[in-house]
């Protein structure tokens, strides 16, 4: 005798898992994700280059908040070096944001998130 349609375990292949529980877990995970993202956004990350001649601060949202230059690093005859140091410093600070984000978001173990 032919078996009627359906999935093994019932509930559309969820293995009997209560759909309401699944939705509650999804909402809780979403709230936890949003909280973690908010915590990262509120943090400040600092980086320096040129032996501390340049220091920058960025937020977890990758917004540049502060650039400090020691006066001796400012050489009108070598502007390119100053520009390169600033770029290096800012990119390093953004790398710290990325690293912290991966570390914090990694606890959620969602494929494709990071």
C-alpha atoms as a PDB file:
ATOM      1  CA  UNK A   1       0.000   0.000   0.000  1.00  0.00           C
ATOM      2  CA  UNK A   2       1.353   3.425  -0.944  1.00  0.00           C
ATOM      3  CA  UNK A   3       2.235   5.785   1.802  1.00  0.00           C
ATOM      4  CA  UNK A   4       0.741   9.249   1.745  1.00  0.00           C
ATOM      5  CA  UNK A   5       2.927  12.358   1.402  1.00  0.00           C
ATOM      6  CA  UNK A   6       4.752  14.000   4.233  1.00  0.00           C
ATOM      7  CA  UNK A   7       8.187  14.004   5.728  1.00  0.00           C
ATOM      8  CA  UNK A   8       9.767  11.521   8.101  1.00  0.00           C
ATOM      9  CA  UNK A   9       9.453  12.748  11.641  1.00  0.00           C
ATOM     10  CA  UNK A  10       6.504  15.010  10.815  1.00  0.00           C
ATOM     11  CA  UNK A  11       6.506  18.814  11.074  1.00  0.00           C
ATOM     12  CA  UNK A  12       7.853  19.312   7.574  1.00  0.00           C
ATOM     13  CA  UNK A  13      11.229  17.695   8.159  1.00  0.00           C
ATOM     14  CA  UNK A  14      12.112  19.438  11.423  1.00  0.00           C
ATOM     15  CA  UNK A  15      12.334  16.031  13.122  1.00  0.00           C
ATOM     16  CA  UNK A  16       9.366  16.788  15.362  1.00  0.00           C
ATOM     17  CA  UNK A  17      10.834  20.101  16.553  1.00  0.00           C
ATOM     18  CA  UNK A  18       8.169  22.512  17.635  1.00  0.00           C
ATOM     19  CA  UNK A  19       7.995  25.352  15.123  1.00  0.00           C
ATOM     20  CA  UNK A  20       7.181  27.826  17.894  1.00  0.00           C
ATOM     21  CA  UNK A  21      10.370  26.869  19.739  1.00  0.00           C
ATOM     22  CA  UNK A  22      12.347  27.322  16.540  1.00  0.00           C
ATOM     23  CA  UNK A  23      10.914  30.810  16.067  1.00  0.00           C
ATOM     24  CA  UNK A  24      11.671  31.719  19.695  1.00  0.00           C
ATOM     25  CA  UNK A  25      15.265  30.577  19.282  1.00  0.00           C
ATOM     26  CA  UNK A  26      15.604  32.591  16.050  1.00  0.00           C
ATOM     27  CA  UNK A  27      14.268  35.741  17.742  1.00  0.00           C
ATOM     28  CA  UNK A  28      16.588  35.249  20.713  1.00  0.00           C
ATOM     29  CA  UNK A  29      19.568  34.776  18.394  1.00  0.00           C
ATOM     30  CA  UNK A  30      18.606  37.922  16.470  1.00  0.00           C
ATOM     31  CA  UNK A  31      18.393  39.918  19.702  1.00  0.00           C
ATOM     32  CA  UNK A  32      21.778  38.552  20.818  1.00  0.00           C
ATOM     33  CA  UNK A  33      23.307  39.452  17.434  1.00  0.00           C
ATOM     34  CA  UNK A  34      21.953  42.997  17.621  1.00  0.00           C
ATOM     35  CA  UNK A  35      23.250  43.392  21.177  1.00  0.00           C
ATOM     36  CA  UNK A  36      26.710  42.173  20.174  1.00  0.00           C
ATOM     37  CA  UNK A  37      26.780  44.492  17.150  1.00  0.00           C
ATOM     38  CA  UNK A  38      25.771  47.394  19.369  1.00  0.00           C
ATOM     39  CA  UNK A  39      28.517  46.564  21.884  1.00  0.00           C
ATOM     40  CA  UNK A  40      31.144  46.467  19.119  1.00  0.00           C
ATOM     41  CA  UNK A  41      29.876  49.773  17.690  1.00  0.00           C
ATOM     42  CA  UNK A  42      30.251  51.424  21.096  1.00  0.00           C
ATOM     43  CA  UNK A  43      33.896  50.388  21.438  1.00  0.00           C
ATOM     44  CA  UNK A  44      36.864  52.499  20.354  1.00  0.00           C
ATOM     45  CA  UNK A  45      39.950  51.005  18.760  1.00  0.00           C
ATOM     46  CA  UNK A  46      43.348  52.677  18.730  1.00  0.00           C
ATOM     47  CA  UNK A  47      46.372  52.161  16.542  1.00  0.00           C
ATOM     48  CA  UNK A  48      49.704  53.884  16.112  1.00  0.00           C
ATOM     49  CA  UNK A  49      52.415  53.984  13.449  1.00  0.00           C
ATOM     50  CA  UNK A  50      55.857  55.458  13.006  1.00  0.00           C
ATOM     51  CA  UNK A  51      56.948  54.492  16.497  1.00  0.00           C
ATOM     52  CA  UNK A  52      53.990  56.299  18.040  1.00  0.00           C
ATOM     53  CA  UNK A  53      54.378  59.414  15.916  1.00  0.00           C
ATOM     54  CA  UNK A  54      50.831  58.935  14.631  1.00  0.00           C
ATOM     55  CA  UNK A  55      47.885  57.656  16.664  1.00  0.00           C
ATOM     56  CA  UNK A  56      44.320  57.176  15.487  1.00  0.00           C
ATOM     57  CA  UNK A  57      41.071  56.163  17.174  1.00  0.00           C
ATOM     58  CA  UNK A  58      38.150  54.613  15.340  1.00  0.00           C
ATOM     59  CA  UNK A  59      34.770  53.324  16.491  1.00  0.00           C
ATOM     60  CA  UNK A  60      33.454  49.808  16.013  1.00  0.00           C
ATOM     61  CA  UNK A  61      31.403  51.280  13.158  1.00  0.00           C
ATOM     62  CA  UNK A  62      34.703  52.182  11.439  1.00  0.00           C
ATOM     63  CA  UNK A  63      34.294  55.904  11.942  1.00  0.00           C
ATOM     64  CA  UNK A  64      37.558  57.802  12.334  1.00  0.00           C
ATOM     65  CA  UNK A  65      37.291  59.740  15.604  1.00  0.00           C
ATOM     66  CA  UNK A  66      40.760  61.115  16.239  1.00  0.00           C
ATOM     67  CA  UNK A  67      44.136  61.591  14.566  1.00  0.00           C
ATOM     68  CA  UNK A  68      47.125  62.704  16.626  1.00  0.00           C
ATOM     69  CA  UNK A  69      50.426  63.686  15.043  1.00  0.00           C
ATOM     70  CA  UNK A  70      53.621  64.430  16.895  1.00  0.00           C
ATOM     71  CA  UNK A  71      54.982  67.751  15.572  1.00  0.00           C
ATOM     72  CA  UNK A  72      58.333  66.239  14.591  1.00  0.00           C
ATOM     73  CA  UNK A  73      56.665  63.914  12.087  1.00  0.00           C
ATOM     74  CA  UNK A  74      55.350  66.838  10.029  1.00  0.00           C
ATOM     75  CA  UNK A  75      57.947  67.469   7.336  1.00  0.00           C
ATOM     76  CA  UNK A  76      56.767  69.670   4.444  1.00  0.00           C
ATOM     77  CA  UNK A  77      59.440  68.089   2.250  1.00  0.00           C
ATOM     78  CA  UNK A  78      58.173  64.552   2.880  1.00  0.00           C
ATOM     79  CA  UNK A  79      54.384  64.690   2.799  1.00  0.00           C
ATOM     80  CA  UNK A  80      54.181  61.254   1.137  1.00  0.00           C
ATOM     81  CA  UNK A  81      55.727  59.540   4.165  1.00  0.00           C
ATOM     82  CA  UNK A  82      53.177  61.212   6.445  1.00  0.00           C
ATOM     83  CA  UNK A  83      50.322  60.154   4.164  1.00  0.00           C
ATOM     84  CA  UNK A  84      51.581  56.557   4.074  1.00  0.00           C
ATOM     85  CA  UNK A  85      51.877  56.437   7.854  1.00  0.00           C
ATOM     86  CA  UNK A  86      48.335  57.741   8.296  1.00  0.00           C
ATOM     87  CA  UNK A  87      46.949  55.182   5.842  1.00  0.00           C
ATOM     88  CA  UNK A  88      48.855  52.373   7.572  1.00  0.00           C
ATOM     89  CA  UNK A  89      47.642  53.483  10.966  1.00  0.00           C
ATOM     90  CA  UNK A  90      43.975  53.835   9.969  1.00  0.00           C
ATOM     91  CA  UNK A  91      43.959  50.494   8.142  1.00  0.00           C
ATOM     92  CA  UNK A  92      45.482  48.795  11.179  1.00  0.00           C
ATOM     93  CA  UNK A  93      42.767  50.273  13.414  1.00  0.00           C
ATOM     94  CA  UNK A  94      40.072  49.064  11.001  1.00  0.00           C
ATOM     95  CA  UNK A  95      41.732  45.631  11.046  1.00  0.00           C
ATOM     96  CA  UNK A  96      41.358  45.606  14.836  1.00  0.00           C
ATOM     97  CA  UNK A  97      37.644  46.336  14.425  1.00  0.00           C
ATOM     98  CA  UNK A  98      37.314  43.453  11.945  1.00  0.00           C
ATOM     99  CA  UNK A  99      39.183  41.104  14.262  1.00  0.00           C
ATOM    100  CA  UNK A 100      37.025  42.000  17.261  1.00  0.00           C
ATOM    101  CA  UNK A 101      33.881  41.629  15.158  1.00  0.00           C
ATOM    102  CA  UNK A 102      34.881  38.173  13.928  1.00  0.00           C
ATOM    103  CA  UNK A 103      35.759  37.105  17.444  1.00  0.00           C
ATOM    104  CA  UNK A 104      32.467  38.326  18.926  1.00  0.00           C
ATOM    105  CA  UNK A 105      30.238  37.186  16.067  1.00  0.00           C
ATOM    106  CA  UNK A 106      31.991  33.821  15.825  1.00  0.00           C
ATOM    107  CA  UNK A 107      30.128  32.629  18.888  1.00  0.00           C
ATOM    108  CA  UNK A 108      26.918  32.596  16.870  1.00  0.00           C
ATOM    109  CA  UNK A 109      28.292  30.018  14.384  1.00  0.00           C
ATOM    110  CA  UNK A 110      26.027  31.019  11.499  1.00  0.00           C
ATOM    111  CA  UNK A 111      27.412  29.931   8.103  1.00  0.00           C
ATOM    112  CA  UNK A 112      27.963  32.879   5.782  1.00  0.00           C
ATOM    113  CA  UNK A 113      27.751  35.501   8.556  1.00  0.00           C
ATOM    114  CA  UNK A 114      31.489  36.176   8.669  1.00  0.00           C
END
